[in-house]
């Protein structure tokens, strides 16, 4: 198949390239604002791989997609870690809304299937735990994280209007915390932060008291879900959660990493981040029932692989 991966130089996108490249023609579009070409360098001599430095908010992406007649588009084009979307708030909103609008315009009237990476952040600082797809969320619409939270919510609203009006085939996954190789060392995510701080014997920094919880899904499990979602033989007119329902506190994660790496690092506590969600745990019943999917890789096994990846780059 002929496949386009937008945001393909980022963490999840580049891992998907690696998984699909053997049997497909892969085109990657990325403006490299937060993704890194280093994630793709190993593929550049593969005749099935093509890279284009392009921004999906530019209308040129519409003609690019139509001229190339792709079978499937996977959209990951958006800053996805707090460090980046707090630094680039306007660009984050634009990629979520204007960029998605361009992709939808491009596939209107075609049979192209579009995967859209939404996020657990659409639930905000959730008052419901675990979070089901029917939960409407608790989001500060003018807060510092709104560029991402509300940008992704607006993208979903636009997608489902297009589905209702134009019958396009778009599959939406609300991705919870995912970790593994090809994360950027400096991207500000919990796992990458803690692992690299431990490897370099630096203080492991926790924002707040560390009581806030997350649910971590290893990249291979997330990719397995995405491929099952896109190969499902019927359209799916609603979003589906993808994540690991095992809930763990940020402080526990820090201690596990500290003990696994056997570092001299100390755990230190910083001021809490504004609007930081306190509970994050997916209800994955829809994924189980519709796609027969649930995560298989234990957190500690995935963590060992992730530590090995970063240690090899130290």
Protein backbone atom coordinates (compact mmCIF):
# COMPACT_ATOMS: atom_id res chain seq x y z
CA UNK A 1 0.00 0.00 0.00
CA UNK A 2 0.93 3.62 -0.41
CA UNK A 3 0.94 5.21 3.04
CA UNK A 4 1.45 8.77 4.28
CA UNK A 5 2.59 9.36 7.85
CA UNK A 6 2.38 12.98 8.95
CA UNK A 7 4.50 13.85 11.95
CA UNK A 8 6.47 10.76 10.98
CA UNK A 9 9.75 11.98 12.48
CA UNK A 10 8.25 11.98 15.96
CA UNK A 11 8.19 9.20 18.53
CA UNK A 12 5.13 7.19 17.53
CA UNK A 13 5.29 8.11 13.83
CA UNK A 14 8.88 6.96 13.33
CA UNK A 15 8.21 3.68 15.13
CA UNK A 16 5.26 3.14 12.78
CA UNK A 17 7.50 3.81 9.77
CA UNK A 18 9.83 1.06 10.97
CA UNK A 19 6.94 -1.36 11.38
CA UNK A 20 5.32 -0.73 7.99
CA UNK A 21 8.27 -0.08 5.69
CA UNK A 22 9.01 -3.68 4.69
CA UNK A 23 5.68 -4.21 2.93
CA UNK A 24 4.55 -0.70 1.90
CA UNK A 25 5.55 2.52 0.20
CA UNK A 26 5.98 5.02 3.03
CA UNK A 27 5.87 8.78 2.57
CA UNK A 28 6.71 10.86 5.64
CA UNK A 29 5.75 14.50 6.07
CA UNK A 30 7.17 16.45 9.02
CA UNK A 31 8.23 20.06 9.58
CA UNK A 32 10.81 18.86 12.15
CA UNK A 33 9.68 21.42 14.72
CA UNK A 34 9.60 18.77 17.46
CA UNK A 35 10.30 15.56 15.57
CA UNK A 36 13.85 14.68 14.59
CA UNK A 37 15.14 13.35 11.27
CA UNK A 38 17.57 11.22 13.27
CA UNK A 39 14.60 8.90 13.96
CA UNK A 40 14.33 8.30 10.20
CA UNK A 41 17.96 8.32 9.10
CA UNK A 42 18.21 4.53 9.05
CA UNK A 43 15.51 4.38 6.36
CA UNK A 44 16.82 7.00 3.93
CA UNK A 45 18.42 4.49 1.55
CA UNK A 46 15.32 2.32 1.41
CA UNK A 47 13.62 2.67 -1.97
CA UNK A 48 10.18 2.42 -0.29
CA UNK A 49 10.84 5.47 1.91
CA UNK A 50 10.40 9.13 1.00
CA UNK A 51 10.63 12.18 3.29
CA UNK A 52 9.19 15.66 2.75
CA UNK A 53 9.83 18.63 5.01
CA UNK A 54 6.32 20.02 4.99
CA UNK A 55 3.80 21.53 7.42
CA UNK A 56 0.24 20.18 7.32
CA UNK A 57 -1.10 23.65 8.14
CA UNK A 58 0.10 24.74 4.69
CA UNK A 59 -2.61 24.27 2.05
CA UNK A 60 -0.04 22.63 -0.23
CA UNK A 61 -0.56 19.42 1.71
CA UNK A 62 -4.01 19.09 0.10
CA UNK A 63 -2.68 18.92 -3.45
CA UNK A 64 0.24 16.76 -2.30
CA UNK A 65 -2.18 14.16 -0.92
CA UNK A 66 -4.50 14.25 -3.92
CA UNK A 67 -1.65 13.95 -6.42
CA UNK A 68 -0.15 10.93 -4.67
CA UNK A 69 -3.34 8.88 -4.20
CA UNK A 70 -2.53 7.39 -0.83
CA UNK A 71 -4.40 4.38 0.53
CA UNK A 72 -3.99 5.32 4.20
CA UNK A 73 -2.90 8.44 6.08
CA UNK A 74 -1.67 8.30 9.66
CA UNK A 75 -1.71 11.72 11.32
CA UNK A 76 0.67 12.36 14.24
CA UNK A 77 1.54 15.95 13.27
CA UNK A 78 1.33 17.91 16.51
CA UNK A 79 3.63 18.68 19.46
CA UNK A 80 2.68 16.03 22.02
CA UNK A 81 4.67 16.79 25.17
CA UNK A 82 4.09 19.67 27.60
CA UNK A 83 7.54 21.10 27.05
CA UNK A 84 6.86 21.60 23.35
CA UNK A 85 3.23 22.65 23.33
CA UNK A 86 3.88 25.16 26.12
CA UNK A 87 6.72 26.58 24.00
CA UNK A 88 4.73 26.51 20.74
CA UNK A 89 1.09 27.02 21.82
CA UNK A 90 -0.17 28.70 18.65
CA UNK A 91 1.56 26.23 16.35
CA UNK A 92 0.14 23.37 18.46
CA UNK A 93 -3.43 24.63 18.04
CA UNK A 94 -2.91 25.29 14.34
CA UNK A 95 -1.57 21.80 13.65
CA UNK A 96 -4.46 20.26 15.60
CA UNK A 97 -7.20 22.25 13.87
CA UNK A 98 -5.99 23.87 10.63
CA UNK A 99 -3.77 20.92 9.81
CA UNK A 100 -6.54 18.39 10.40
CA UNK A 101 -8.92 20.53 8.34
CA UNK A 102 -6.46 20.29 5.43
CA UNK A 103 -6.22 16.51 5.75
CA UNK A 104 -10.00 16.22 5.82
CA UNK A 105 -10.34 18.43 2.75
CA UNK A 106 -7.78 16.27 0.98
CA UNK A 107 -9.67 13.01 1.55
CA UNK A 108 -13.17 14.41 0.96
CA UNK A 109 -14.84 12.46 -1.83
CA UNK A 110 -12.18 9.71 -1.78
CA UNK A 111 -11.84 6.29 -0.18
CA UNK A 112 -8.64 7.18 1.66
CA UNK A 113 -8.65 6.01 5.28
CA UNK A 114 -7.33 8.54 7.80
CA UNK A 115 -6.00 7.71 11.25
CA UNK A 116 -6.01 10.62 13.69
CA UNK A 117 -3.99 10.59 16.88
CA UNK A 118 -6.08 12.24 19.55
CA UNK A 119 -5.10 12.14 23.19
CA UNK A 120 -6.17 11.39 26.74
CA UNK A 121 -5.70 15.11 27.33
CA UNK A 122 -9.15 15.70 25.85
CA UNK A 123 -10.40 14.55 29.27
CA UNK A 124 -8.44 17.33 31.02
CA UNK A 125 -8.10 17.04 34.79
CA UNK A 126 -10.65 14.24 34.81
CA UNK A 127 -13.32 14.02 37.50
CA UNK A 128 -14.09 10.46 36.33
CA UNK A 129 -11.62 7.61 36.81
CA UNK A 130 -11.01 5.53 34.76
CA UNK A 131 -11.88 7.65 31.75
CA UNK A 132 -14.38 6.24 29.25
CA UNK A 133 -14.89 7.58 25.74
CA UNK A 134 -18.31 8.87 26.82
CA UNK A 135 -16.79 11.21 29.42
CA UNK A 136 -16.88 14.83 28.21
CA UNK A 137 -13.89 15.95 30.23
CA UNK A 138 -12.88 18.75 32.58
CA UNK A 139 -10.70 21.16 30.62
CA UNK A 140 -9.58 24.72 31.36
CA UNK A 141 -10.35 26.26 27.97
CA UNK A 142 -8.13 29.31 28.57
CA UNK A 143 -5.33 27.62 30.52
CA UNK A 144 -1.73 27.17 29.43
CA UNK A 145 -2.43 23.61 28.23
CA UNK A 146 -5.56 24.55 26.28
CA UNK A 147 -3.62 24.83 23.01
CA UNK A 148 -3.20 21.05 23.15
CA UNK A 149 -6.28 19.95 25.12
CA UNK A 150 -8.76 22.15 23.28
CA UNK A 151 -6.90 21.85 19.99
CA UNK A 152 -7.35 18.09 20.05
CA UNK A 153 -10.98 18.44 21.16
CA UNK A 154 -11.64 20.86 18.29
CA UNK A 155 -9.98 18.44 15.88
CA UNK A 156 -12.32 15.67 17.01
CA UNK A 157 -15.34 17.96 16.58
CA UNK A 158 -14.24 18.80 13.04
CA UNK A 159 -13.58 15.15 12.19
CA UNK A 160 -17.02 13.97 13.27
CA UNK A 161 -18.72 16.82 11.41
CA UNK A 162 -16.87 15.68 8.29
CA UNK A 163 -17.89 12.08 8.96
CA UNK A 164 -21.56 13.09 9.30
CA UNK A 165 -21.56 15.43 6.32
CA UNK A 166 -19.16 13.78 3.85
CA UNK A 167 -19.01 10.15 5.04
CA UNK A 168 -15.20 10.16 5.15
CA UNK A 169 -13.44 7.19 6.78
CA UNK A 170 -11.56 8.55 9.79
CA UNK A 171 -10.49 6.43 12.77
CA UNK A 172 -9.70 8.33 15.99
CA UNK A 173 -7.57 6.96 18.83
CA UNK A 174 -7.33 8.72 22.16
CA UNK A 175 -3.76 7.82 23.04
CA UNK A 176 -2.79 7.64 26.71
CA UNK A 177 0.82 7.83 27.93
CA UNK A 178 3.03 5.83 25.57
CA UNK A 179 6.74 5.19 26.02
CA UNK A 180 9.64 3.38 24.35
CA UNK A 181 12.59 3.84 21.97
CA UNK A 182 12.81 6.95 19.77
CA UNK A 183 11.43 9.27 22.42
CA UNK A 184 13.47 12.47 22.52
CA UNK A 185 15.71 12.78 25.54
CA UNK A 186 14.67 16.40 26.12
CA UNK A 187 10.96 16.14 25.32
CA UNK A 188 9.79 16.63 28.91
CA UNK A 189 7.78 13.40 29.20
CA UNK A 190 7.85 11.51 32.48
CA UNK A 191 9.64 8.36 31.31
CA UNK A 192 12.25 10.07 29.13
CA UNK A 193 12.91 12.70 31.79
CA UNK A 194 13.33 10.26 34.65
CA UNK A 195 15.38 7.71 32.69
CA UNK A 196 17.87 10.25 31.37
CA UNK A 197 18.18 12.03 34.70
CA UNK A 198 18.93 8.67 36.30
CA UNK A 199 21.45 7.66 33.63
CA UNK A 200 23.37 10.91 34.12
CA UNK A 201 23.07 10.82 37.94
CA UNK A 202 21.09 14.05 37.91
CA UNK A 203 18.22 14.88 40.24
CA UNK A 204 15.00 13.14 39.25
CA UNK A 205 12.53 16.02 39.17
CA UNK A 206 8.89 15.54 40.07
CA UNK A 207 6.45 18.40 39.56
CA UNK A 208 4.08 18.46 42.52
CA UNK A 209 3.98 15.77 45.19
CA UNK A 210 4.13 12.85 42.77
CA UNK A 211 0.72 11.55 43.81
CA UNK A 212 -0.71 12.22 40.35
CA UNK A 213 -1.19 9.01 38.39
CA UNK A 214 -0.49 7.90 34.85
CA UNK A 215 -0.98 4.68 32.85
CA UNK A 216 1.92 3.74 30.61
CA UNK A 217 1.57 1.71 27.41
CA UNK A 218 4.67 0.42 25.61
CA UNK A 219 5.03 1.59 22.01
CA UNK A 220 4.65 -1.90 20.49
CA UNK A 221 1.25 -2.33 22.13
CA UNK A 222 0.12 1.11 20.95
CA UNK A 223 1.19 0.34 17.37
CA UNK A 224 -0.60 -3.00 17.51
CA UNK A 225 -3.79 -1.14 18.43
CA UNK A 226 -3.37 1.43 15.66
CA UNK A 227 -2.90 -1.24 13.00
CA UNK A 228 -5.90 -3.21 14.25
CA UNK A 229 -7.99 -0.05 14.22
CA UNK A 230 -7.05 0.72 10.63
CA UNK A 231 -7.54 -2.83 9.38
CA UNK A 232 -11.02 -3.13 10.93
CA UNK A 233 -13.47 -3.84 8.11
CA UNK A 234 -16.08 -1.24 9.08
CA UNK A 235 -16.03 2.49 9.70
CA UNK A 236 -15.86 3.42 13.39
CA UNK A 237 -17.76 6.70 13.99
CA UNK A 238 -16.45 7.33 17.51
CA UNK A 239 -13.07 7.61 19.25
CA UNK A 240 -11.48 4.67 21.07
CA UNK A 241 -9.08 4.81 24.02
CA UNK A 242 -5.70 3.15 23.66
CA UNK A 243 -3.54 2.73 26.74
CA UNK A 244 -2.59 0.49 29.61
CA UNK A 245 -5.20 0.43 32.41
CA UNK A 246 -2.54 -0.24 35.06
CA UNK A 247 -2.45 3.03 37.05
CA UNK A 248 0.75 4.12 38.79
CA UNK A 249 1.79 7.25 40.64
CA UNK A 250 4.52 9.49 39.27
CA UNK A 251 6.50 9.03 42.49
CA UNK A 252 6.36 5.24 42.12
CA UNK A 253 7.62 5.58 38.54
CA UNK A 254 10.54 7.67 39.75
CA UNK A 255 11.45 5.09 42.38
CA UNK A 256 11.20 2.18 39.95
CA UNK A 257 13.50 3.93 37.47
CA UNK A 258 15.92 4.96 40.20
CA UNK A 259 16.22 1.38 41.43
CA UNK A 260 16.38 -0.13 37.93
CA UNK A 261 19.15 2.17 36.73
CA UNK A 262 20.98 1.95 40.08
CA UNK A 263 21.75 5.64 39.94
CA UNK A 264 23.13 8.11 42.43
CA UNK A 265 20.28 10.47 41.58
CA UNK A 266 18.04 11.93 44.27
CA UNK A 267 14.33 12.53 43.83
CA UNK A 268 13.47 16.20 44.21
CA UNK A 269 10.10 17.93 44.14
CA UNK A 270 9.35 21.05 42.10
CA UNK A 271 6.31 23.32 41.93
CA UNK A 272 3.33 21.57 40.35
CA UNK A 273 2.61 22.31 36.69
CA UNK A 274 -0.53 24.33 36.06
CA UNK A 275 -3.61 22.27 35.11
CA UNK A 276 -1.62 19.03 35.39
CA UNK A 277 -4.12 16.12 35.40
CA UNK A 278 -4.21 14.28 38.72
CA UNK A 279 -5.72 11.00 37.50
CA UNK A 280 -5.08 9.27 34.22
CA UNK A 281 -6.35 5.76 33.57
CA UNK A 282 -8.09 4.52 30.41
CA UNK A 283 -11.16 2.38 30.26
CA UNK A 284 -10.31 0.11 27.30
CA UNK A 285 -13.53 -1.90 27.07
CA UNK A 286 -14.25 -0.61 23.56
CA UNK A 287 -10.79 -1.62 22.37
CA UNK A 288 -11.31 -5.10 23.82
CA UNK A 289 -14.82 -5.57 22.45
CA UNK A 290 -14.38 -4.09 18.96
CA UNK A 291 -10.73 -4.84 18.15
CA UNK A 292 -9.94 -7.67 20.54
CA UNK A 293 -7.02 -5.58 21.77
CA UNK A 294 -5.39 -5.08 25.13
CA UNK A 295 -1.77 -4.35 26.06
CA UNK A 296 0.54 -7.33 26.54
CA UNK A 297 3.88 -5.84 27.53
CA UNK A 298 4.54 -5.44 31.25
CA UNK A 299 5.62 -1.96 32.35
CA UNK A 300 8.94 -3.18 33.75
CA UNK A 301 9.83 -5.07 30.56
CA UNK A 302 9.04 -2.05 28.41
CA UNK A 303 10.98 0.14 30.80
CA UNK A 304 14.07 -2.05 30.51
CA UNK A 305 13.95 -1.73 26.72
CA UNK A 306 13.54 2.03 26.99
CA UNK A 307 16.44 2.37 29.43
CA UNK A 308 18.61 0.25 27.12
CA UNK A 309 17.74 2.55 24.21
CA UNK A 310 18.70 5.72 26.06
CA UNK A 311 21.79 4.12 27.64
CA UNK A 312 23.01 3.24 24.14
CA UNK A 313 22.75 6.91 23.17
CA UNK A 314 24.38 8.23 26.33
